[in-house]
Amino acid sequence: ATPVWGFLADRVDHRIAVSEQARVSAARWLPGDYEVIPNGVLIPDDADTGGREHRVVFAGRQEQRKGLQVLLRAWPEIRRRTGARLRVGGADPLAVRLLLTRLRLPDEGIDILGFLSQEDLTAELLAAKALIAPSLGGESFGMVLTRAFACATPVVASDITGYRDVMTPETAVAVPPDDPGALAEAVAALLADEPRRRALGAAARELACARYAWRDIARRLLAIYETVLAAQTGRAAA
């Protein structure tokens, strides 16, 4: 693989990574200086922190690393303490049902939605009181977190690399990965404190607009392309 990467390195004019974790991973194979530019996110025109349904949402595939099994183990306690509903989107419904059976857990208070279009996911995030992201690792960038932020929806998420680059104490609640007890406590505490939940949501929306709006990301990318093009044109003229 080394000769291939060496060939590519000679043709790279500018290196971009979507996160610090992605930069570190890429630099192992293709050393050099990278500029970190995160993925952009669509910012809905209107996103009110209040008027939310008494529910939380999980959005992700049914993969071990996404941690749905951790959330499901925590759910009976969250449900008992809050009476909220859990909306599970993105995961195959049959796989979720099989997981519940394997874990010997009831489906009380759980709505299994299956695949969600981008529009449906936005609608779910705008209606929910929080996004729960219990991933175990392997996340180079917390795209689903920024989607929630754009919708003024606070996040309860695992304290892992990738997510850590996106979350701040003002916008999200970080919990140890693979710890159902800690997850249940964090979600229940957030839902019990509506002023705090709304403050986190407002700060999340502000952060998304300032850091992840596609308009600003596109402007940064365009500036890079213009710089590279100008350098190539200068070399050609020389």
C-alpha atoms as a PDB file:
ATOM      1  CA  ALA A   1       0.000   0.000   0.000  1.00  0.00           C
ATOM      2  CA  THR A   2       2.924   2.343   0.664  1.00  0.00           C
ATOM      3  CA  PRO A   3       3.798   2.969  -3.016  1.00  0.00           C
ATOM      4  CA  VAL A   4       0.149   3.818  -3.718  1.00  0.00           C
ATOM      5  CA  TRP A   5      -0.012   6.314  -0.860  1.00  0.00           C
ATOM      6  CA  GLY A   6       3.313   7.761  -1.954  1.00  0.00           C
ATOM      7  CA  PHE A   7       1.931   8.298  -5.450  1.00  0.00           C
ATOM      8  CA  LEU A   8      -1.143  10.023  -4.027  1.00  0.00           C
ATOM      9  CA  ALA A   9       0.908  12.183  -1.667  1.00  0.00           C
ATOM     10  CA  ASP A  10       2.704  13.703  -4.647  1.00  0.00           C
ATOM     11  CA  ARG A  11      -0.658  14.740  -6.139  1.00  0.00           C
ATOM     12  CA  VAL A  12      -2.258  16.239  -3.009  1.00  0.00           C
ATOM     13  CA  ASP A  13      -2.395  20.040  -2.997  1.00  0.00           C
ATOM     14  CA  HIS A  14      -4.266  20.518   0.293  1.00  0.00           C
ATOM     15  CA  ARG A  15      -5.213  18.103   3.078  1.00  0.00           C
ATOM     16  CA  ILE A  16      -8.594  18.372   4.809  1.00  0.00           C
ATOM     17  CA  ALA A  17     -10.029  16.294   7.676  1.00  0.00           C
ATOM     18  CA  VAL A  18     -13.512  16.522   9.176  1.00  0.00           C
ATOM     19  CA  SER A  19     -12.251  16.200  12.767  1.00  0.00           C
ATOM     20  CA  GLU A  20      -9.127  15.884  14.851  1.00  0.00           C
ATOM     21  CA  GLN A  21      -9.678  12.123  15.063  1.00  0.00           C
ATOM     22  CA  ALA A  22      -9.986  11.911  11.288  1.00  0.00           C
ATOM     23  CA  ARG A  23      -6.817  13.983  10.924  1.00  0.00           C
ATOM     24  CA  VAL A  24      -4.854  11.633  13.169  1.00  0.00           C
ATOM     25  CA  SER A  25      -6.157   8.572  11.319  1.00  0.00           C
ATOM     26  CA  ALA A  26      -5.390   9.982   7.867  1.00  0.00           C
ATOM     27  CA  ALA A  27      -1.949  11.215   8.874  1.00  0.00           C
ATOM     28  CA  ARG A  28      -0.898   7.664   9.725  1.00  0.00           C
ATOM     29  CA  TRP A  29      -1.173   6.757   6.038  1.00  0.00           C
ATOM     30  CA  LEU A  30      -0.664  10.112   4.384  1.00  0.00           C
ATOM     31  CA  PRO A  31       1.546  12.337   6.570  1.00  0.00           C
ATOM     32  CA  GLY A  32       1.388  16.082   6.212  1.00  0.00           C
ATOM     33  CA  ASP A  33      -0.390  19.180   7.452  1.00  0.00           C
ATOM     34  CA  TYR A  34      -4.183  18.942   7.550  1.00  0.00           C
ATOM     35  CA  GLU A  35      -6.802  21.629   7.939  1.00  0.00           C
ATOM     36  CA  VAL A  36      -9.766  20.506  10.025  1.00  0.00           C
ATOM     37  CA  ILE A  37     -13.063  21.526   8.439  1.00  0.00           C
ATOM     38  CA  PRO A  38     -16.107  19.764   9.905  1.00  0.00           C
ATOM     39  CA  ASN A  39     -19.038  18.398   7.970  1.00  0.00           C
ATOM     40  CA  GLY A  40     -21.748  20.966   7.425  1.00  0.00           C
ATOM     41  CA  VAL A  41     -25.311  20.544   8.614  1.00  0.00           C
ATOM     42  CA  LEU A  42     -28.663  21.841   7.416  1.00  0.00           C
ATOM     43  CA  ILE A  43     -29.983  24.449   9.854  1.00  0.00           C
ATOM     44  CA  PRO A  44     -33.811  24.441  10.005  1.00  0.00           C
ATOM     45  CA  ASP A  45     -35.328  27.905   9.771  1.00  0.00           C
ATOM     46  CA  ASP A  46     -37.271  27.480  13.010  1.00  0.00           C
ATOM     47  CA  ALA A  47     -36.341  25.405  16.046  1.00  0.00           C
ATOM     48  CA  ASP A  48     -38.045  26.146  19.357  1.00  0.00           C
ATOM     49  CA  THR A  49     -36.507  24.614  22.464  1.00  0.00           C
ATOM     50  CA  GLY A  50     -39.960  24.417  24.048  1.00  0.00           C
ATOM     51  CA  GLY A  51     -43.183  22.722  23.032  1.00  0.00           C
ATOM     52  CA  ARG A  52     -41.470  19.343  22.674  1.00  0.00           C
ATOM     53  CA  GLU A  53     -43.129  15.966  22.940  1.00  0.00           C
ATOM     54  CA  HIS A  54     -42.203  14.019  26.070  1.00  0.00           C
ATOM     55  CA  ARG A  55     -39.839  11.722  24.215  1.00  0.00           C
ATOM     56  CA  VAL A  56     -36.224  11.176  23.283  1.00  0.00           C
ATOM     57  CA  VAL A  57     -34.764   9.829  20.079  1.00  0.00           C
ATOM     58  CA  PHE A  58     -32.003   7.443  19.021  1.00  0.00           C
ATOM     59  CA  ALA A  59     -30.843   7.669  15.394  1.00  0.00           C
ATOM     60  CA  GLY A  60     -28.452   5.074  14.029  1.00  0.00           C
ATOM     61  CA  ARG A  61     -27.994   1.654  12.546  1.00  0.00           C
ATOM     62  CA  GLN A  62     -28.291  -1.490  14.656  1.00  0.00           C
ATOM     63  CA  GLU A  63     -24.560  -1.994  15.013  1.00  0.00           C
ATOM     64  CA  GLN A  64     -22.729  -2.951  18.194  1.00  0.00           C
ATOM     65  CA  ARG A  65     -20.627   0.198  18.124  1.00  0.00           C
ATOM     66  CA  LYS A  66     -23.686   2.458  17.965  1.00  0.00           C
ATOM     67  CA  GLY A  67     -24.620   1.300  21.464  1.00  0.00           C
ATOM     68  CA  LEU A  68     -28.363   0.812  21.046  1.00  0.00           C
ATOM     69  CA  GLN A  69     -28.066  -2.207  23.335  1.00  0.00           C
ATOM     70  CA  VAL A  70     -26.763   0.086  26.087  1.00  0.00           C
ATOM     71  CA  LEU A  71     -29.715   2.442  25.709  1.00  0.00           C
ATOM     72  CA  LEU A  72     -32.212  -0.419  25.714  1.00  0.00           C
ATOM     73  CA  ARG A  73     -30.721  -1.774  28.944  1.00  0.00           C
ATOM     74  CA  ALA A  74     -31.026   1.700  30.460  1.00  0.00           C
ATOM     75  CA  TRP A  75     -34.525   2.303  29.128  1.00  0.00           C
ATOM     76  CA  PRO A  76     -36.688   0.536  31.777  1.00  0.00           C
ATOM     77  CA  GLU A  77     -35.192   2.781  34.462  1.00  0.00           C
ATOM     78  CA  ILE A  78     -35.532   5.912  32.301  1.00  0.00           C
ATOM     79  CA  ARG A  79     -39.132   5.006  31.524  1.00  0.00           C
ATOM     80  CA  ARG A  80     -39.904   4.340  35.207  1.00  0.00           C
ATOM     81  CA  ARG A  81     -38.462   7.660  36.322  1.00  0.00           C
ATOM     82  CA  THR A  82     -39.678   9.916  33.511  1.00  0.00           C
ATOM     83  CA  GLY A  83     -42.606   8.288  31.698  1.00  0.00           C
ATOM     84  CA  ALA A  84     -41.016   9.403  28.420  1.00  0.00           C
ATOM     85  CA  ARG A  85     -41.117   7.525  25.126  1.00  0.00           C
ATOM     86  CA  LEU A  86     -38.112   6.382  23.125  1.00  0.00           C
ATOM     87  CA  ARG A  87     -38.168   6.805  19.346  1.00  0.00           C
ATOM     88  CA  VAL A  88     -35.679   4.467  17.629  1.00  0.00           C
ATOM     89  CA  GLY A  89     -34.886   5.558  14.074  1.00  0.00           C
ATOM     90  CA  GLY A  90     -32.470   4.243  11.480  1.00  0.00           C
ATOM     91  CA  ALA A  91     -32.195   0.693  12.793  1.00  0.00           C
ATOM     92  CA  ASP A  92     -33.896  -2.262  11.122  1.00  0.00           C
ATOM     93  CA  PRO A  93     -37.113  -2.943  13.100  1.00  0.00           C
ATOM     94  CA  LEU A  94     -36.628  -6.719  13.067  1.00  0.00           C
ATOM     95  CA  ALA A  95     -33.065  -6.336  14.368  1.00  0.00           C
ATOM     96  CA  VAL A  96     -34.325  -4.096  17.192  1.00  0.00           C
ATOM     97  CA  ARG A  97     -37.040  -6.606  18.096  1.00  0.00           C
ATOM     98  CA  LEU A  98     -34.508  -9.425  18.138  1.00  0.00           C
ATOM     99  CA  LEU A  99     -32.200  -7.357  20.318  1.00  0.00           C
ATOM    100  CA  LEU A 100     -34.999  -6.676  22.807  1.00  0.00           C
ATOM    101  CA  THR A 101     -35.760 -10.391  22.908  1.00  0.00           C
ATOM    102  CA  ARG A 102     -32.113 -11.326  23.406  1.00  0.00           C
ATOM    103  CA  LEU A 103     -31.768  -8.785  26.215  1.00  0.00           C
ATOM    104  CA  ARG A 104     -35.096  -9.980  27.682  1.00  0.00           C
ATOM    105  CA  LEU A 105     -36.419  -6.451  27.793  1.00  0.00           C
ATOM    106  CA  PRO A 106     -39.986  -5.196  27.248  1.00  0.00           C
ATOM    107  CA  ASP A 107     -40.809  -2.743  24.473  1.00  0.00           C
ATOM    108  CA  GLU A 108     -42.898  -0.525  26.744  1.00  0.00           C
ATOM    109  CA  GLY A 109     -42.617   3.095  25.725  1.00  0.00           C
ATOM    110  CA  ILE A 110     -40.520   2.306  22.648  1.00  0.00           C
ATOM    111  CA  ASP A 111     -41.502   3.304  19.107  1.00  0.00           C
ATOM    112  CA  ILE A 112     -39.432   1.472  16.485  1.00  0.00           C
ATOM    113  CA  LEU A 113     -39.494   3.679  13.393  1.00  0.00           C
ATOM    114  CA  GLY A 114     -37.094   1.968  10.978  1.00  0.00           C
ATOM    115  CA  PHE A 115     -35.387   3.927   8.211  1.00  0.00           C
ATOM    116  CA  LEU A 116     -35.812   7.697   8.375  1.00  0.00           C
ATOM    117  CA  SER A 117     -35.432  10.100   5.482  1.00  0.00           C
ATOM    118  CA  GLN A 118     -33.465  13.269   6.172  1.00  0.00           C
ATOM    119  CA  GLU A 119     -36.738  15.180   6.433  1.00  0.00           C
ATOM    120  CA  ASP A 120     -38.199  12.639   8.856  1.00  0.00           C
ATOM    121  CA  LEU A 121     -35.078  12.716  11.010  1.00  0.00           C
ATOM    122  CA  THR A 122     -35.249  16.499  11.206  1.00  0.00           C
ATOM    123  CA  ALA A 123     -38.916  16.269  12.222  1.00  0.00           C
ATOM    124  CA  GLU A 124     -38.079  13.743  14.936  1.00  0.00           C
ATOM    125  CA  LEU A 125     -35.280  15.914  16.300  1.00  0.00           C
ATOM    126  CA  LEU A 126     -37.470  19.019  16.305  1.00  0.00           C
ATOM    127  CA  ALA A 127     -40.137  17.150  18.302  1.00  0.00           C
ATOM    128  CA  ALA A 128     -37.911  15.361  20.828  1.00  0.00           C
ATOM    129  CA  LYS A 129     -36.589  16.652  24.126  1.00  0.00           C
ATOM    130  CA  ALA A 130     -33.155  15.101  23.585  1.00  0.00           C
ATOM    131  CA  LEU A 131     -31.061  12.924  21.307  1.00  0.00           C
ATOM    132  CA  ILE A 132     -29.429   9.901  22.927  1.00  0.00           C
ATOM    133  CA  ALA A 133     -26.162   8.789  21.307  1.00  0.00           C
ATOM    134  CA  PRO A 134     -24.661   5.882  23.307  1.00  0.00           C
ATOM    135  CA  SER A 135     -21.960   4.858  20.815  1.00  0.00           C
ATOM    136  CA  LEU A 136     -19.071   2.766  22.086  1.00  0.00           C
ATOM    137  CA  GLY A 137     -16.411   4.208  19.756  1.00  0.00           C
ATOM    138  CA  GLY A 138     -15.302   4.335  16.169  1.00  0.00           C
ATOM    139  CA  GLU A 139     -16.860   7.745  15.481  1.00  0.00           C
ATOM    140  CA  SER A 140     -14.628  10.120  13.530  1.00  0.00           C
ATOM    141  CA  PHE A 141     -17.203  12.934  13.654  1.00  0.00           C
ATOM    142  CA  GLY A 142     -20.488  13.280  15.518  1.00  0.00           C
ATOM    143  CA  MET A 143     -22.684  14.117  12.543  1.00  0.00           C
ATOM    144  CA  VAL A 144     -25.875  13.003  14.290  1.00  0.00           C
ATOM    145  CA  LEU A 145     -24.980  15.282  17.196  1.00  0.00           C
ATOM    146  CA  THR A 146     -24.676  18.320  14.949  1.00  0.00           C
ATOM    147  CA  ARG A 147     -28.026  17.418  13.356  1.00  0.00           C
ATOM    148  CA  ALA A 148     -29.586  17.557  16.814  1.00  0.00           C
ATOM    149  CA  PHE A 149     -27.809  20.799  17.674  1.00  0.00           C
ATOM    150  CA  ALA A 150     -29.200  22.430  14.533  1.00  0.00           C
ATOM    151  CA  CYS A 151     -32.691  21.518  15.763  1.00  0.00           C
ATOM    152  CA  ALA A 152     -32.073  23.067  19.212  1.00  0.00           C
ATOM    153  CA  THR A 153     -32.149  19.567  20.661  1.00  0.00           C
ATOM    154  CA  PRO A 154     -29.673  18.808  23.455  1.00  0.00           C
ATOM    155  CA  VAL A 155     -27.687  15.591  23.445  1.00  0.00           C
ATOM    156  CA  VAL A 156     -26.858  12.891  25.959  1.00  0.00           C
ATOM    157  CA  ALA A 157     -23.905  11.087  24.406  1.00  0.00           C
ATOM    158  CA  SER A 158     -20.973   8.856  25.178  1.00  0.00           C
ATOM    159  CA  ASP A 159     -17.745  10.590  26.094  1.00  0.00           C
ATOM    160  CA  ILE A 160     -15.741   9.185  23.181  1.00  0.00           C
ATOM    161  CA  THR A 161     -13.312  10.473  20.590  1.00  0.00           C
ATOM    162  CA  GLY A 162     -15.200  12.034  17.700  1.00  0.00           C
ATOM    163  CA  TYR A 163     -18.190  12.988  19.833  1.00  0.00           C
ATOM    164  CA  ARG A 164     -15.848  14.768  22.243  1.00  0.00           C
ATOM    165  CA  ASP A 165     -14.804  17.114  19.411  1.00  0.00           C
ATOM    166  CA  VAL A 166     -18.426  18.208  18.952  1.00  0.00           C
ATOM    167  CA  MET A 167     -19.923  18.281  22.444  1.00  0.00           C
ATOM    168  CA  THR A 168     -19.487  21.107  24.932  1.00  0.00           C
ATOM    169  CA  PRO A 169     -20.756  21.312  28.540  1.00  0.00           C
ATOM    170  CA  GLU A 170     -23.180  24.027  27.385  1.00  0.00           C
ATOM    171  CA  THR A 171     -24.810  21.866  24.680  1.00  0.00           C
ATOM    172  CA  ALA A 172     -24.638  18.240  25.772  1.00  0.00           C
ATOM    173  CA  VAL A 173     -24.329  15.791  28.631  1.00  0.00           C
ATOM    174  CA  ALA A 174     -21.402  13.382  28.357  1.00  0.00           C
ATOM    175  CA  VAL A 175     -21.623   9.928  29.929  1.00  0.00           C
ATOM    176  CA  PRO A 176     -19.164   7.028  30.158  1.00  0.00           C
ATOM    177  CA  PRO A 177     -19.645   4.612  27.240  1.00  0.00           C
ATOM    178  CA  ASP A 178     -21.216   1.206  27.869  1.00  0.00           C
ATOM    179  CA  ASP A 179     -22.673   2.241  31.233  1.00  0.00           C
ATOM    180  CA  PRO A 180     -26.482   1.834  31.287  1.00  0.00           C
ATOM    181  CA  GLY A 181     -26.727   3.115  34.868  1.00  0.00           C
ATOM    182  CA  ALA A 182     -24.905   6.354  34.103  1.00  0.00           C
ATOM    183  CA  LEU A 183     -26.907   6.800  30.911  1.00  0.00           C
ATOM    184  CA  ALA A 184     -30.220   6.320  32.730  1.00  0.00           C
ATOM    185  CA  GLU A 185     -29.234   8.829  35.400  1.00  0.00           C
ATOM    186  CA  ALA A 186     -28.128  11.443  32.854  1.00  0.00           C
ATOM    187  CA  VAL A 187     -31.283  11.177  30.735  1.00  0.00           C
ATOM    188  CA  ALA A 188     -33.632  11.161  33.727  1.00  0.00           C
ATOM    189  CA  ALA A 189     -31.887  14.161  35.280  1.00  0.00           C
ATOM    190  CA  LEU A 190     -32.056  16.117  32.035  1.00  0.00           C
ATOM    191  CA  LEU A 191     -35.767  15.430  31.512  1.00  0.00           C
ATOM    192  CA  ALA A 192     -36.482  16.420  35.120  1.00  0.00           C
ATOM    193  CA  ASP A 193     -34.911  19.864  34.645  1.00  0.00           C
ATOM    194  CA  GLU A 194     -36.748  21.647  31.845  1.00  0.00           C
ATOM    195  CA  PRO A 195     -34.963  25.023  32.246  1.00  0.00           C
ATOM    196  CA  ARG A 196     -31.601  23.284  31.962  1.00  0.00           C
ATOM    197  CA  ARG A 197     -32.778  21.209  29.009  1.00  0.00           C
ATOM    198  CA  ARG A 198     -33.981  24.290  27.158  1.00  0.00           C
ATOM    199  CA  ALA A 199     -30.775  26.189  27.923  1.00  0.00           C
ATOM    200  CA  LEU A 200     -28.712  23.321  26.508  1.00  0.00           C
ATOM    201  CA  GLY A 201     -30.923  23.250  23.414  1.00  0.00           C
ATOM    202  CA  ALA A 202     -30.570  26.980  22.825  1.00  0.00           C
ATOM    203  CA  ALA A 203     -26.782  26.797  23.182  1.00  0.00           C
ATOM    204  CA  ALA A 204     -26.687  23.787  20.860  1.00  0.00           C
ATOM    205  CA  ARG A 205     -28.571  25.671  18.167  1.00  0.00           C
ATOM    206  CA  GLU A 206     -26.243  28.659  18.551  1.00  0.00           C
ATOM    207  CA  LEU A 207     -23.190  26.410  18.254  1.00  0.00           C
ATOM    208  CA  ALA A 208     -24.548  24.703  15.136  1.00  0.00           C
ATOM    209  CA  CYS A 209     -25.220  28.028  13.446  1.00  0.00           C
ATOM    210  CA  ALA A 210     -21.767  29.356  14.335  1.00  0.00           C
ATOM    211  CA  ARG A 211     -19.667  26.288  13.542  1.00  0.00           C
ATOM    212  CA  TYR A 212     -21.511  23.865  11.254  1.00  0.00           C
ATOM    213  CA  ALA A 213     -23.796  25.855   8.927  1.00  0.00           C
ATOM    214  CA  TRP A 214     -23.235  24.697   5.341  1.00  0.00           C
ATOM    215  CA  ARG A 215     -23.002  28.272   4.088  1.00  0.00           C
ATOM    216  CA  ASP A 216     -19.910  28.930   6.187  1.00  0.00           C
ATOM    217  CA  ILE A 217     -18.397  25.485   5.560  1.00  0.00           C
ATOM    218  CA  ALA A 218     -18.864  25.962   1.810  1.00  0.00           C
ATOM    219  CA  ARG A 219     -17.199  29.374   1.998  1.00  0.00           C
ATOM    220  CA  ARG A 220     -14.139  27.842   3.691  1.00  0.00           C
ATOM    221  CA  LEU A 221     -13.950  25.025   1.145  1.00  0.00           C
ATOM    222  CA  LEU A 222     -14.301  27.454  -1.762  1.00  0.00           C
ATOM    223  CA  ALA A 223     -11.442  29.550  -0.384  1.00  0.00           C
ATOM    224  CA  ILE A 224      -9.232  26.461  -0.293  1.00  0.00           C
ATOM    225  CA  TYR A 225     -10.062  25.541  -3.897  1.00  0.00           C
ATOM    226  CA  GLU A 226      -9.360  29.114  -5.006  1.00  0.00           C
ATOM    227  CA  THR A 227      -5.993  29.089  -3.234  1.00  0.00           C
ATOM    228  CA  VAL A 228      -5.025  25.737  -4.777  1.00  0.00           C
ATOM    229  CA  LEU A 229      -6.161  26.859  -8.235  1.00  0.00           C
ATOM    230  CA  ALA A 230      -4.204  30.083  -7.954  1.00  0.00           C
ATOM    231  CA  ALA A 231      -1.061  28.157  -6.960  1.00  0.00           C
ATOM    232  CA  GLN A 232      -1.471  25.741  -9.883  1.00  0.00           C
ATOM    233  CA  THR A 233      -2.021  28.614 -12.293  1.00  0.00           C
ATOM    234  CA  GLY A 234       1.095  30.327 -10.976  1.00  0.00           C
ATOM    235  CA  ARG A 235       3.188  27.189 -11.437  1.00  0.00           C
ATOM    236  CA  ALA A 236       1.868  26.730 -14.949  1.00  0.00           C
ATOM    237  CA  ALA A 237       2.695  30.327 -15.862  1.00  0.00           C
ATOM    238  CA  ALA A 238       6.190  29.936 -14.444  1.00  0.00           C
END
